[in-house]
Amino acid sequence: MHLYNIVNYRSKLLQLQEMHAILYATDWSEGGEQMRNYLVDIRETTGVTQQDVADKISISRQSYQAIEAGRRQADLKTSMIAKLADVFGMTASEIYRMEADYQAERTAVLQAQGLAPANNA
């Protein structure tokens, strides 16, 4: 029984490590990126730098870069969506819709890799 618990624990640990590696890797899968490309596109279109955005929303440039890269705030909080909308001159609804698309893609990749439950609806 004790050996079974150790093996079971190691198996779960490996699953968690694999999930962490996938969530924080630069690529989700072949040709698929984890980055929030919509934020990069908006920022570049409006002609502001990561530092400009970070200053306007009162976080460090590194923290903002991690948000764009998908390594921070896996699910953007409503307050962050509102701040970003204000910085980019958009509505929160527009940012929310783009974030929802990002989350749907992220979930689909995790499901395909067996790291998230499939939707049976």
PDB file of N, CA and C in Angstrom:
ATOM      1  N   MET A   1       0.823  -1.191   0.000  1.00  0.00           N
ATOM      2  CA  MET A   1       0.000   0.000   0.000  1.00  0.00           C
ATOM      3  C   MET A   1       0.867   1.254   0.000  1.00  0.00           C
ATOM      4  N   HIS A   2       1.909   1.259   0.789  1.00  0.00           N
ATOM      5  CA  HIS A   2       2.785   2.412   0.865  1.00  0.00           C
ATOM      6  C   HIS A   2       3.465   2.670  -0.481  1.00  0.00           C
ATOM      7  N   LEU A   3       3.944   1.621  -1.148  1.00  0.00           N
ATOM      8  CA  LEU A   3       4.596   1.758  -2.452  1.00  0.00           C
ATOM      9  C   LEU A   3       3.611   2.300  -3.483  1.00  0.00           C
ATOM     10  N   TYR A   4       2.362   1.847  -3.413  1.00  0.00           N
ATOM     11  CA  TYR A   4       1.331   2.336  -4.320  1.00  0.00           C
ATOM     12  C   TYR A   4       1.143   3.849  -4.160  1.00  0.00           C
ATOM     13  N   ASN A   5       1.110   4.334  -2.934  1.00  0.00           N
ATOM     14  CA  ASN A   5       0.940   5.767  -2.680  1.00  0.00           C
ATOM     15  C   ASN A   5       2.096   6.567  -3.259  1.00  0.00           C
ATOM     16  N   ILE A   6       3.306   6.053  -3.145  1.00  0.00           N
ATOM     17  CA  ILE A   6       4.481   6.755  -3.684  1.00  0.00           C
ATOM     18  C   ILE A   6       4.393   6.819  -5.207  1.00  0.00           C
ATOM     19  N   VAL A   7       4.050   5.724  -5.838  1.00  0.00           N
ATOM     20  CA  VAL A   7       3.931   5.695  -7.293  1.00  0.00           C
ATOM     21  C   VAL A   7       2.815   6.633  -7.744  1.00  0.00           C
ATOM     22  N   ASN A   8       1.689   6.602  -7.064  1.00  0.00           N
ATOM     23  CA  ASN A   8       0.566   7.472  -7.388  1.00  0.00           C
ATOM     24  C   ASN A   8       0.961   8.945  -7.231  1.00  0.00           C
ATOM     25  N   TYR A   9       1.665   9.259  -6.160  1.00  0.00           N
ATOM     26  CA  TYR A   9       2.124  10.628  -5.922  1.00  0.00           C
ATOM     27  C   TYR A   9       3.065  11.078  -7.035  1.00  0.00           C
ATOM     28  N   ARG A  10       4.019  10.215  -7.399  1.00  0.00           N
ATOM     29  CA  ARG A  10       4.973  10.569  -8.467  1.00  0.00           C
ATOM     30  C   ARG A  10       4.252  10.784  -9.795  1.00  0.00           C
ATOM     31  N   SER A  11       3.253   9.969 -10.073  1.00  0.00           N
ATOM     32  CA  SER A  11       2.486  10.113 -11.298  1.00  0.00           C
ATOM     33  C   SER A  11       1.769  11.466 -11.332  1.00  0.00           C
ATOM     34  N   LYS A  12       1.153  11.835 -10.222  1.00  0.00           N
ATOM     35  CA  LYS A  12       0.459  13.126 -10.152  1.00  0.00           C
ATOM     36  C   LYS A  12       1.446  14.285 -10.241  1.00  0.00           C
ATOM     37  N   LEU A  13       2.604  14.131  -9.625  1.00  0.00           N
ATOM     38  CA  LEU A  13       3.628  15.169  -9.688  1.00  0.00           C
ATOM     39  C   LEU A  13       4.098  15.375 -11.123  1.00  0.00           C
ATOM     40  N   LEU A  14       4.310  14.281 -11.848  1.00  0.00           N
ATOM     41  CA  LEU A  14       4.719  14.387 -13.249  1.00  0.00           C
ATOM     42  C   LEU A  14       3.644  15.071 -14.091  1.00  0.00           C
ATOM     43  N   GLN A  15       2.382  14.755 -13.832  1.00  0.00           N
ATOM     44  CA  GLN A  15       1.284  15.413 -14.550  1.00  0.00           C
ATOM     45  C   GLN A  15       1.289  16.916 -14.281  1.00  0.00           C
ATOM     46  N   LEU A  16       1.486  17.310 -13.030  1.00  0.00           N
ATOM     47  CA  LEU A  16       1.522  18.732 -12.686  1.00  0.00           C
ATOM     48  C   LEU A  16       2.711  19.428 -13.334  1.00  0.00           C
ATOM     49  N   GLN A  17       3.861  18.759 -13.345  1.00  0.00           N
ATOM     50  CA  GLN A  17       5.045  19.352 -13.974  1.00  0.00           C
ATOM     51  C   GLN A  17       4.831  19.521 -15.470  1.00  0.00           C
ATOM     52  N   GLU A  18       4.195  18.525 -16.101  1.00  0.00           N
ATOM     53  CA  GLU A  18       3.921  18.619 -17.524  1.00  0.00           C
ATOM     54  C   GLU A  18       2.940  19.753 -17.805  1.00  0.00           C
ATOM     55  N   MET A  19       1.901  19.881 -16.974  1.00  0.00           N
ATOM     56  CA  MET A  19       0.928  20.952 -17.146  1.00  0.00           C
ATOM     57  C   MET A  19       1.610  22.310 -16.990  1.00  0.00           C
ATOM     58  N   HIS A  20       2.467  22.445 -15.993  1.00  0.00           N
ATOM     59  CA  HIS A  20       3.184  23.699 -15.770  1.00  0.00           C
ATOM     60  C   HIS A  20       4.046  24.035 -16.980  1.00  0.00           C
ATOM     61  N   ALA A  21       4.754  23.037 -17.510  1.00  0.00           N
ATOM     62  CA  ALA A  21       5.616  23.274 -18.668  1.00  0.00           C
ATOM     63  C   ALA A  21       4.805  23.726 -19.872  1.00  0.00           C
ATOM     64  N   ILE A  22       3.639  23.136 -20.068  1.00  0.00           N
ATOM     65  CA  ILE A  22       2.802  23.510 -21.211  1.00  0.00           C
ATOM     66  C   ILE A  22       2.233  24.909 -21.033  1.00  0.00           C
ATOM     67  N   LEU A  23       1.745  25.199 -19.840  1.00  0.00           N
ATOM     68  CA  LEU A  23       1.146  26.511 -19.606  1.00  0.00           C
ATOM     69  C   LEU A  23       2.149  27.640 -19.725  1.00  0.00           C
ATOM     70  N   TYR A  24       3.406  27.381 -19.376  1.00  0.00           N
ATOM     71  CA  TYR A  24       4.392  28.445 -19.365  1.00  0.00           C
ATOM     72  C   TYR A  24       5.401  28.354 -20.497  1.00  0.00           C
ATOM     73  N   ALA A  25       5.185  27.453 -21.423  1.00  0.00           N
ATOM     74  CA  ALA A  25       6.068  27.352 -22.581  1.00  0.00           C
ATOM     75  C   ALA A  25       5.744  28.475 -23.563  1.00  0.00           C
ATOM     76  N   THR A  26       6.652  28.722 -24.478  1.00  0.00           N
ATOM     77  CA  THR A  26       6.408  29.772 -25.461  1.00  0.00           C
ATOM     78  C   THR A  26       5.420  29.325 -26.521  1.00  0.00           C
ATOM     79  N   ASP A  27       5.348  28.015 -26.790  1.00  0.00           N
ATOM     80  CA  ASP A  27       4.413  27.502 -27.779  1.00  0.00           C
ATOM     81  C   ASP A  27       3.466  26.512 -27.130  1.00  0.00           C
ATOM     82  N   TRP A  28       2.223  26.540 -27.558  1.00  0.00           N
ATOM     83  CA  TRP A  28       1.245  25.573 -27.057  1.00  0.00           C
ATOM     84  C   TRP A  28       1.409  24.262 -27.790  1.00  0.00           C
ATOM     85  N   SER A  29       1.543  24.334 -29.073  1.00  0.00           N
ATOM     86  CA  SER A  29       1.635  23.155 -29.915  1.00  0.00           C
ATOM     87  C   SER A  29       2.268  23.602 -31.219  1.00  0.00           C
ATOM     88  N   GLU A  30       2.332  22.699 -32.170  1.00  0.00           N
ATOM     89  CA  GLU A  30       2.935  23.049 -33.443  1.00  0.00           C
ATOM     90  C   GLU A  30       2.205  24.243 -34.052  1.00  0.00           C
ATOM     91  N   GLY A  31       2.908  25.358 -34.171  1.00  0.00           N
ATOM     92  CA  GLY A  31       2.351  26.541 -34.785  1.00  0.00           C
ATOM     93  C   GLY A  31       1.423  27.359 -33.909  1.00  0.00           C
ATOM     94  N   GLY A  32       1.089  26.875 -32.719  1.00  0.00           N
ATOM     95  CA  GLY A  32       0.177  27.613 -31.852  1.00  0.00           C
ATOM     96  C   GLY A  32       0.924  28.327 -30.760  1.00  0.00           C
ATOM     97  N   GLU A  33       0.622  29.568 -30.560  1.00  0.00           N
ATOM     98  CA  GLU A  33       1.327  30.343 -29.552  1.00  0.00           C
ATOM     99  C   GLU A  33       0.457  30.555 -28.334  1.00  0.00           C
ATOM    100  N   GLN A  34       1.108  30.612 -27.196  1.00  0.00           N
ATOM    101  CA  GLN A  34       0.411  30.867 -25.947  1.00  0.00           C
ATOM    102  C   GLN A  34       0.231  32.363 -25.731  1.00  0.00           C
ATOM    103  N   MET A  35       1.054  33.155 -26.363  1.00  0.00           N
ATOM    104  CA  MET A  35       1.019  34.596 -26.127  1.00  0.00           C
ATOM    105  C   MET A  35      -0.353  35.176 -26.403  1.00  0.00           C
ATOM    106  N   ARG A  36      -0.635  36.240 -25.681  1.00  0.00           N
ATOM    107  CA  ARG A  36      -1.852  37.005 -25.962  1.00  0.00           C
ATOM    108  C   ARG A  36      -1.521  37.958 -27.111  1.00  0.00           C
ATOM    109  N   ASN A  37      -1.519  37.391 -28.309  1.00  0.00           N
ATOM    110  CA  ASN A  37      -1.137  38.175 -29.477  1.00  0.00           C
ATOM    111  C   ASN A  37      -2.043  39.374 -29.677  1.00  0.00           C
ATOM    112  N   TYR A  38      -3.279  39.260 -29.238  1.00  0.00           N
ATOM    113  CA  TYR A  38      -4.185  40.392 -29.410  1.00  0.00           C
ATOM    114  C   TYR A  38      -3.691  41.602 -28.626  1.00  0.00           C
ATOM    115  N   LEU A  39      -3.097  41.390 -27.451  1.00  0.00           N
ATOM    116  CA  LEU A  39      -2.562  42.523 -26.677  1.00  0.00           C
ATOM    117  C   LEU A  39      -1.343  43.126 -27.370  1.00  0.00           C
ATOM    118  N   VAL A  40      -0.499  42.265 -27.914  1.00  0.00           N
ATOM    119  CA  VAL A  40       0.681  42.753 -28.633  1.00  0.00           C
ATOM    120  C   VAL A  40       0.230  43.569 -29.841  1.00  0.00           C
ATOM    121  N   ASP A  41      -0.735  43.037 -30.600  1.00  0.00           N
ATOM    122  CA  ASP A  41      -1.222  43.736 -31.793  1.00  0.00           C
ATOM    123  C   ASP A  41      -1.828  45.095 -31.446  1.00  0.00           C
ATOM    124  N   ILE A  42      -2.661  45.132 -30.417  1.00  0.00           N
ATOM    125  CA  ILE A  42      -3.280  46.399 -30.011  1.00  0.00           C
ATOM    126  C   ILE A  42      -2.206  47.395 -29.581  1.00  0.00           C
ATOM    127  N   ARG A  43      -1.282  46.925 -28.760  1.00  0.00           N
ATOM    128  CA  ARG A  43      -0.226  47.820 -28.250  1.00  0.00           C
ATOM    129  C   ARG A  43       0.603  48.379 -29.397  1.00  0.00           C
ATOM    130  N   GLU A  44       0.996  47.515 -30.323  1.00  0.00           N
ATOM    131  CA  GLU A  44       1.812  47.975 -31.448  1.00  0.00           C
ATOM    132  C   GLU A  44       1.032  48.907 -32.365  1.00  0.00           C
ATOM    133  N   THR A  45      -0.246  48.621 -32.557  1.00  0.00           N
ATOM    134  CA  THR A  45      -1.092  49.477 -33.403  1.00  0.00           C
ATOM    135  C   THR A  45      -1.256  50.863 -32.800  1.00  0.00           C
ATOM    136  N   THR A  46      -1.371  50.916 -31.482  1.00  0.00           N
ATOM    137  CA  THR A  46      -1.530  52.216 -30.821  1.00  0.00           C
ATOM    138  C   THR A  46      -0.197  52.923 -30.614  1.00  0.00           C
ATOM    139  N   GLY A  47       0.900  52.234 -30.946  1.00  0.00           N
ATOM    140  CA  GLY A  47       2.214  52.860 -30.892  1.00  0.00           C
ATOM    141  C   GLY A  47       2.773  53.069 -29.494  1.00  0.00           C
ATOM    142  N   VAL A  48       2.389  52.220 -28.560  1.00  0.00           N
ATOM    143  CA  VAL A  48       2.931  52.337 -27.204  1.00  0.00           C
ATOM    144  C   VAL A  48       3.834  51.151 -26.911  1.00  0.00           C
ATOM    145  N   THR A  49       4.742  51.348 -26.003  1.00  0.00           N
ATOM    146  CA  THR A  49       5.662  50.289 -25.603  1.00  0.00           C
ATOM    147  C   THR A  49       5.095  49.522 -24.413  1.00  0.00           C
ATOM    148  N   GLN A  50       5.709  48.399 -24.112  1.00  0.00           N
ATOM    149  CA  GLN A  50       5.317  47.668 -22.907  1.00  0.00           C
ATOM    150  C   GLN A  50       5.512  48.547 -21.677  1.00  0.00           C
ATOM    151  N   GLN A  51       6.582  49.336 -21.668  1.00  0.00           N
ATOM    152  CA  GLN A  51       6.840  50.226 -20.529  1.00  0.00           C
ATOM    153  C   GLN A  51       5.738  51.268 -20.398  1.00  0.00           C
ATOM    154  N   ASP A  52       5.282  51.826 -21.525  1.00  0.00           N
ATOM    155  CA  ASP A  52       4.186  52.810 -21.490  1.00  0.00           C
ATOM    156  C   ASP A  52       2.937  52.207 -20.859  1.00  0.00           C
ATOM    157  N   VAL A  53       2.569  51.004 -21.316  1.00  0.00           N
ATOM    158  CA  VAL A  53       1.371  50.346 -20.777  1.00  0.00           C
ATOM    159  C   VAL A  53       1.553  50.069 -19.294  1.00  0.00           C
ATOM    160  N   ALA A  54       2.707  49.514 -18.944  1.00  0.00           N
ATOM    161  CA  ALA A  54       2.979  49.178 -17.543  1.00  0.00           C
ATOM    162  C   ALA A  54       2.876  50.408 -16.654  1.00  0.00           C
ATOM    163  N   ASP A  55       3.445  51.517 -17.106  1.00  0.00           N
ATOM    164  CA  ASP A  55       3.382  52.752 -16.319  1.00  0.00           C
ATOM    165  C   ASP A  55       1.938  53.209 -16.127  1.00  0.00           C
ATOM    166  N   LYS A  56       1.132  53.109 -17.181  1.00  0.00           N
ATOM    167  CA  LYS A  56      -0.255  53.576 -17.113  1.00  0.00           C
ATOM    168  C   LYS A  56      -1.145  52.696 -16.234  1.00  0.00           C
ATOM    169  N   ILE A  57      -0.776  51.416 -16.089  1.00  0.00           N
ATOM    170  CA  ILE A  57      -1.596  50.530 -15.251  1.00  0.00           C
ATOM    171  C   ILE A  57      -0.900  50.210 -13.925  1.00  0.00           C
ATOM    172  N   SER A  58       0.191  50.917 -13.666  1.00  0.00           N
ATOM    173  CA  SER A  58       0.900  50.852 -12.378  1.00  0.00           C
ATOM    174  C   SER A  58       1.448  49.474 -12.018  1.00  0.00           C
ATOM    175  N   ILE A  59       2.092  48.837 -13.007  1.00  0.00           N
ATOM    176  CA  ILE A  59       2.829  47.606 -12.740  1.00  0.00           C
ATOM    177  C   ILE A  59       4.186  47.722 -13.423  1.00  0.00           C
ATOM    178  N   SER A  60       5.073  46.786 -13.152  1.00  0.00           N
ATOM    179  CA  SER A  60       6.390  46.830 -13.798  1.00  0.00           C
ATOM    180  C   SER A  60       6.276  46.364 -15.250  1.00  0.00           C
ATOM    181  N   ARG A  61       7.259  46.748 -16.053  1.00  0.00           N
ATOM    182  CA  ARG A  61       7.285  46.311 -17.447  1.00  0.00           C
ATOM    183  C   ARG A  61       7.365  44.784 -17.512  1.00  0.00           C
ATOM    184  N   GLN A  62       8.128  44.189 -16.606  1.00  0.00           N
ATOM    185  CA  GLN A  62       8.273  42.737 -16.590  1.00  0.00           C
ATOM    186  C   GLN A  62       6.927  42.050 -16.309  1.00  0.00           C
ATOM    187  N   SER A  63       6.155  42.640 -15.414  1.00  0.00           N
ATOM    188  CA  SER A  63       4.835  42.066 -15.113  1.00  0.00           C
ATOM    189  C   SER A  63       3.908  42.179 -16.314  1.00  0.00           C
ATOM    190  N   TYR A  64       3.946  43.323 -17.001  1.00  0.00           N
ATOM    191  CA  TYR A  64       3.107  43.471 -18.179  1.00  0.00           C
ATOM    192  C   TYR A  64       3.555  42.516 -19.284  1.00  0.00           C
ATOM    193  N   GLN A  65       4.863  42.378 -19.460  1.00  0.00           N
ATOM    194  CA  GLN A  65       5.373  41.458 -20.468  1.00  0.00           C
ATOM    195  C   GLN A  65       4.902  40.036 -20.172  1.00  0.00           C
ATOM    196  N   ALA A  66       4.880  39.657 -18.894  1.00  0.00           N
ATOM    197  CA  ALA A  66       4.418  38.323 -18.507  1.00  0.00           C
ATOM    198  C   ALA A  66       2.925  38.148 -18.809  1.00  0.00           C
ATOM    199  N   ILE A  67       2.150  39.216 -18.693  1.00  0.00           N
ATOM    200  CA  ILE A  67       0.724  39.149 -19.053  1.00  0.00           C
ATOM    201  C   ILE A  67       0.596  38.913 -20.549  1.00  0.00           C
ATOM    202  N   GLU A  68       1.329  39.668 -21.371  1.00  0.00           N
ATOM    203  CA  GLU A  68       1.284  39.477 -22.823  1.00  0.00           C
ATOM    204  C   GLU A  68       1.725  38.068 -23.198  1.00  0.00           C
ATOM    205  N   ALA A  69       2.735  37.568 -22.502  1.00  0.00           N
ATOM    206  CA  ALA A  69       3.285  36.248 -22.823  1.00  0.00           C
ATOM    207  C   ALA A  69       2.434  35.104 -22.280  1.00  0.00           C
ATOM    208  N   GLY A  70       1.405  35.418 -21.494  1.00  0.00           N
ATOM    209  CA  GLY A  70       0.530  34.397 -20.955  1.00  0.00           C
ATOM    210  C   GLY A  70       1.077  33.699 -19.721  1.00  0.00           C
ATOM    211  N   ARG A  71       2.133  34.254 -19.137  1.00  0.00           N
ATOM    212  CA  ARG A  71       2.728  33.646 -17.946  1.00  0.00           C
ATOM    213  C   ARG A  71       2.173  34.233 -16.651  1.00  0.00           C
ATOM    214  N   ARG A  72       1.400  35.285 -16.746  1.00  0.00           N
ATOM    215  CA  ARG A  72       0.833  35.927 -15.560  1.00  0.00           C
ATOM    216  C   ARG A  72      -0.645  36.173 -15.817  1.00  0.00           C
ATOM    217  N   GLN A  73      -1.424  36.006 -14.779  1.00  0.00           N
ATOM    218  CA  GLN A  73      -2.880  36.156 -14.876  1.00  0.00           C
ATOM    219  C   GLN A  73      -3.422  35.284 -15.997  1.00  0.00           C
ATOM    220  N   ALA A  74      -3.381  33.985 -15.757  1.00  0.00           N
ATOM    221  CA  ALA A  74      -3.905  33.044 -16.756  1.00  0.00           C
ATOM    222  C   ALA A  74      -5.295  33.476 -17.211  1.00  0.00           C
ATOM    223  N   ASP A  75      -6.100  33.934 -16.283  1.00  0.00           N
ATOM    224  CA  ASP A  75      -7.394  34.537 -16.597  1.00  0.00           C
ATOM    225  C   ASP A  75      -7.306  36.002 -16.198  1.00  0.00           C
ATOM    226  N   LEU A  76      -7.372  36.891 -17.179  1.00  0.00           N
ATOM    227  CA  LEU A  76      -7.282  38.313 -16.859  1.00  0.00           C
ATOM    228  C   LEU A  76      -8.435  38.720 -15.955  1.00  0.00           C
ATOM    229  N   LYS A  77      -8.117  39.408 -14.903  1.00  0.00           N
ATOM    230  CA  LYS A  77      -9.134  39.896 -13.975  1.00  0.00           C
ATOM    231  C   LYS A  77      -9.873  41.070 -14.608  1.00  0.00           C
ATOM    232  N   THR A  78     -11.106  41.253 -14.181  1.00  0.00           N
ATOM    233  CA  THR A  78     -11.942  42.330 -14.705  1.00  0.00           C
ATOM    234  C   THR A  78     -11.275  43.687 -14.529  1.00  0.00           C
ATOM    235  N   SER A  79     -10.626  43.889 -13.391  1.00  0.00           N
ATOM    236  CA  SER A  79      -9.967  45.175 -13.153  1.00  0.00           C
ATOM    237  C   SER A  79      -8.837  45.409 -14.153  1.00  0.00           C
ATOM    238  N   MET A  80      -8.106  44.351 -14.514  1.00  0.00           N
ATOM    239  CA  MET A  80      -7.028  44.493 -15.498  1.00  0.00           C
ATOM    240  C   MET A  80      -7.596  44.742 -16.880  1.00  0.00           C
ATOM    241  N   ILE A  81      -8.682  44.076 -17.216  1.00  0.00           N
ATOM    242  CA  ILE A  81      -9.328  44.303 -18.511  1.00  0.00           C
ATOM    243  C   ILE A  81      -9.762  45.759 -18.621  1.00  0.00           C
ATOM    244  N   ALA A  82     -10.335  46.303 -17.553  1.00  0.00           N
ATOM    245  CA  ALA A  82     -10.773  47.707 -17.560  1.00  0.00           C
ATOM    246  C   ALA A  82      -9.589  48.650 -17.734  1.00  0.00           C
ATOM    247  N   LYS A  83      -8.497  48.369 -17.042  1.00  0.00           N
ATOM    248  CA  LYS A  83      -7.303  49.229 -17.162  1.00  0.00           C
ATOM    249  C   LYS A  83      -6.738  49.186 -18.575  1.00  0.00           C
ATOM    250  N   LEU A  84      -6.644  47.980 -19.141  1.00  0.00           N
ATOM    251  CA  LEU A  84      -6.101  47.852 -20.496  1.00  0.00           C
ATOM    252  C   LEU A  84      -6.999  48.540 -21.513  1.00  0.00           C
ATOM    253  N   ALA A  85      -8.294  48.394 -21.344  1.00  0.00           N
ATOM    254  CA  ALA A  85      -9.234  49.062 -22.254  1.00  0.00           C
ATOM    255  C   ALA A  85      -9.028  50.566 -22.210  1.00  0.00           C
ATOM    256  N   ASP A  86      -8.847  51.103 -21.026  1.00  0.00           N
ATOM    257  CA  ASP A  86      -8.625  52.538 -20.870  1.00  0.00           C
ATOM    258  C   ASP A  86      -7.334  52.973 -21.564  1.00  0.00           C
ATOM    259  N   VAL A  87      -6.265  52.207 -21.375  1.00  0.00           N
ATOM    260  CA  VAL A  87      -4.970  52.541 -21.977  1.00  0.00           C
ATOM    261  C   VAL A  87      -5.060  52.510 -23.499  1.00  0.00           C
ATOM    262  N   PHE A  88      -5.750  51.507 -24.043  1.00  0.00           N
ATOM    263  CA  PHE A  88      -5.802  51.333 -25.487  1.00  0.00           C
ATOM    264  C   PHE A  88      -6.963  52.071 -26.152  1.00  0.00           C
ATOM    265  N   GLY A  89      -7.784  52.790 -25.361  1.00  0.00           N
ATOM    266  CA  GLY A  89      -8.899  53.532 -25.931  1.00  0.00           C
ATOM    267  C   GLY A  89      -9.984  52.627 -26.491  1.00  0.00           C
ATOM    268  N   MET A  90     -10.211  51.522 -25.806  1.00  0.00           N
ATOM    269  CA  MET A  90     -11.213  50.556 -26.230  1.00  0.00           C
ATOM    270  C   MET A  90     -12.229  50.384 -25.109  1.00  0.00           C
ATOM    271  N   THR A  91     -13.271  49.616 -25.400  1.00  0.00           N
ATOM    272  CA  THR A  91     -14.208  49.290 -24.330  1.00  0.00           C
ATOM    273  C   THR A  91     -13.736  48.010 -23.642  1.00  0.00           C
ATOM    274  N   ALA A  92     -14.148  47.843 -22.409  1.00  0.00           N
ATOM    275  CA  ALA A  92     -13.813  46.621 -21.684  1.00  0.00           C
ATOM    276  C   ALA A  92     -14.424  45.412 -22.390  1.00  0.00           C
ATOM    277  N   SER A  93     -15.586  45.589 -23.004  1.00  0.00           N
ATOM    278  CA  SER A  93     -16.239  44.492 -23.726  1.00  0.00           C
ATOM    279  C   SER A  93     -15.382  43.991 -24.887  1.00  0.00           C
ATOM    280  N   GLU A  94     -14.738  44.911 -25.572  1.00  0.00           N
ATOM    281  CA  GLU A  94     -13.874  44.516 -26.699  1.00  0.00           C
ATOM    282  C   GLU A  94     -12.696  43.675 -26.199  1.00  0.00           C
ATOM    283  N   ILE A  95     -12.056  44.132 -25.135  1.00  0.00           N
ATOM    284  CA  ILE A  95     -10.930  43.383 -24.565  1.00  0.00           C
ATOM    285  C   ILE A  95     -11.432  42.041 -24.026  1.00  0.00           C
ATOM    286  N   TYR A  96     -12.566  42.058 -23.353  1.00  0.00           N
ATOM    287  CA  TYR A  96     -13.122  40.829 -22.789  1.00  0.00           C
ATOM    288  C   TYR A  96     -13.384  39.792 -23.883  1.00  0.00           C
ATOM    289  N   ARG A  97     -13.943  40.218 -25.028  1.00  0.00           N
ATOM    290  CA  ARG A  97     -14.221  39.282 -26.127  1.00  0.00           C
ATOM    291  C   ARG A  97     -12.922  38.671 -26.656  1.00  0.00           C
ATOM    292  N   MET A  98     -11.889  39.489 -26.801  1.00  0.00           N
ATOM    293  CA  MET A  98     -10.610  38.971 -27.276  1.00  0.00           C
ATOM    294  C   MET A  98     -10.000  38.009 -26.261  1.00  0.00           C
ATOM    295  N   GLU A  99     -10.135  38.335 -24.978  1.00  0.00           N
ATOM    296  CA  GLU A  99      -9.633  37.448 -23.921  1.00  0.00           C
ATOM    297  C   GLU A  99     -10.417  36.137 -23.911  1.00  0.00           C
ATOM    298  N   ALA A 100     -11.725  36.203 -24.143  1.00  0.00           N
ATOM    299  CA  ALA A 100     -12.543  34.984 -24.185  1.00  0.00           C
ATOM    300  C   ALA A 100     -12.089  34.072 -25.325  1.00  0.00           C
ATOM    301  N   ASP A 101     -11.768  34.651 -26.476  1.00  0.00           N
ATOM    302  CA  ASP A 101     -11.255  33.859 -27.597  1.00  0.00           C
ATOM    303  C   ASP A 101      -9.918  33.211 -27.224  1.00  0.00           C
ATOM    304  N   TYR A 102      -9.050  33.980 -26.584  1.00  0.00           N
ATOM    305  CA  TYR A 102      -7.751  33.467 -26.130  1.00  0.00           C
ATOM    306  C   TYR A 102      -7.956  32.297 -25.174  1.00  0.00           C
ATOM    307  N   GLN A 103      -8.864  32.456 -24.206  1.00  0.00           N
ATOM    308  CA  GLN A 103      -9.105  31.401 -23.221  1.00  0.00           C
ATOM    309  C   GLN A 103      -9.688  30.151 -23.881  1.00  0.00           C
ATOM    310  N   ALA A 104     -10.558  30.328 -24.870  1.00  0.00           N
ATOM    311  CA  ALA A 104     -11.143  29.181 -25.568  1.00  0.00           C
ATOM    312  C   ALA A 104     -10.054  28.397 -26.300  1.00  0.00           C
ATOM    313  N   GLU A 105      -9.142  29.116 -26.947  1.00  0.00           N
ATOM    314  CA  GLU A 105      -8.036  28.458 -27.643  1.00  0.00           C
ATOM    315  C   GLU A 105      -7.128  27.748 -26.644  1.00  0.00           C
ATOM    316  N   ARG A 106      -6.845  28.407 -25.542  1.00  0.00           N
ATOM    317  CA  ARG A 106      -5.979  27.832 -24.500  1.00  0.00           C
ATOM    318  C   ARG A 106      -6.596  26.547 -23.950  1.00  0.00           C
ATOM    319  N   THR A 107      -7.889  26.566 -23.686  1.00  0.00           N
ATOM    320  CA  THR A 107      -8.584  25.395 -23.163  1.00  0.00           C
ATOM    321  C   THR A 107      -8.571  24.260 -24.183  1.00  0.00           C
ATOM    322  N   ALA A 108      -8.799  24.580 -25.452  1.00  0.00           N
ATOM    323  CA  ALA A 108      -8.800  23.551 -26.500  1.00  0.00           C
ATOM    324  C   ALA A 108      -7.449  22.855 -26.592  1.00  0.00           C
ATOM    325  N   VAL A 109      -6.377  23.613 -26.487  1.00  0.00           N
ATOM    326  CA  VAL A 109      -5.038  23.027 -26.540  1.00  0.00           C
ATOM    327  C   VAL A 109      -4.815  22.116 -25.342  1.00  0.00           C
ATOM    328  N   LEU A 110      -5.183  22.583 -24.156  1.00  0.00           N
ATOM    329  CA  LEU A 110      -5.010  21.763 -22.954  1.00  0.00           C
ATOM    330  C   LEU A 110      -5.855  20.495 -23.029  1.00  0.00           C
ATOM    331  N   GLN A 111      -7.064  20.598 -23.566  1.00  0.00           N
ATOM    332  CA  GLN A 111      -7.918  19.415 -23.719  1.00  0.00           C
ATOM    333  C   GLN A 111      -7.299  18.433 -24.711  1.00  0.00           C
ATOM    334  N   ALA A 112      -6.764  18.945 -25.794  1.00  0.00           N
ATOM    335  CA  ALA A 112      -6.147  18.090 -26.800  1.00  0.00           C
ATOM    336  C   ALA A 112      -4.943  17.341 -26.227  1.00  0.00           C
ATOM    337  N   GLN A 113      -4.304  17.950 -25.257  1.00  0.00           N
ATOM    338  CA  GLN A 113      -3.142  17.334 -24.635  1.00  0.00           C
ATOM    339  C   GLN A 113      -3.517  16.537 -23.395  1.00  0.00           C
ATOM    340  N   GLY A 114      -4.812  16.426 -23.137  1.00  0.00           N
ATOM    341  CA  GLY A 114      -5.292  15.638 -22.013  1.00  0.00           C
ATOM    342  C   GLY A 114      -5.045  16.268 -20.666  1.00  0.00           C
ATOM    343  N   LEU A 115      -4.844  17.587 -20.614  1.00  0.00           N
ATOM    344  CA  LEU A 115      -4.536  18.279 -19.371  1.00  0.00           C
ATOM    345  C   LEU A 115      -5.713  19.083 -18.839  1.00  0.00           C
ATOM    346  N   ALA A 116      -6.823  19.035 -19.539  1.00  0.00           N
ATOM    347  CA  ALA A 116      -8.052  19.698 -19.081  1.00  0.00           C
ATOM    348  C   ALA A 116      -9.213  18.807 -19.485  1.00  0.00           C
ATOM    349  N   PRO A 117     -10.265  18.775 -18.670  1.00  0.00           N
ATOM    350  CA  PRO A 117     -11.408  17.930 -19.013  1.00  0.00           C
ATOM    351  C   PRO A 117     -12.080  18.418 -20.298  1.00  0.00           C
ATOM    352  N   ALA A 118     -12.546  17.467 -21.084  1.00  0.00           N
ATOM    353  CA  ALA A 118     -13.245  17.809 -22.328  1.00  0.00           C
ATOM    354  C   ALA A 118     -14.638  18.312 -22.009  1.00  0.00           C
ATOM    355  N   ASN A 119     -15.123  19.240 -22.827  1.00  0.00           N
ATOM    356  CA  ASN A 119     -16.498  19.730 -22.672  1.00  0.00           C
ATOM    357  C   ASN A 119     -17.435  18.705 -23.300  1.00  0.00           C
ATOM    358  N   ASN A 120     -18.353  18.252 -22.520  1.00  0.00           N
ATOM    359  CA  ASN A 120     -19.323  17.266 -23.034  1.00  0.00           C
ATOM    360  C   ASN A 120     -20.671  17.893 -23.299  1.00  0.00           C
ATOM    361  N   ALA A 121     -20.725  19.205 -23.384  1.00  0.00           N
ATOM    362  CA  ALA A 121     -22.007  19.893 -23.558  1.00  0.00           C
ATOM    363  C   ALA A 121     -22.414  19.901 -25.002  1.00  0.00           C
TER     364      ALA A 121
END
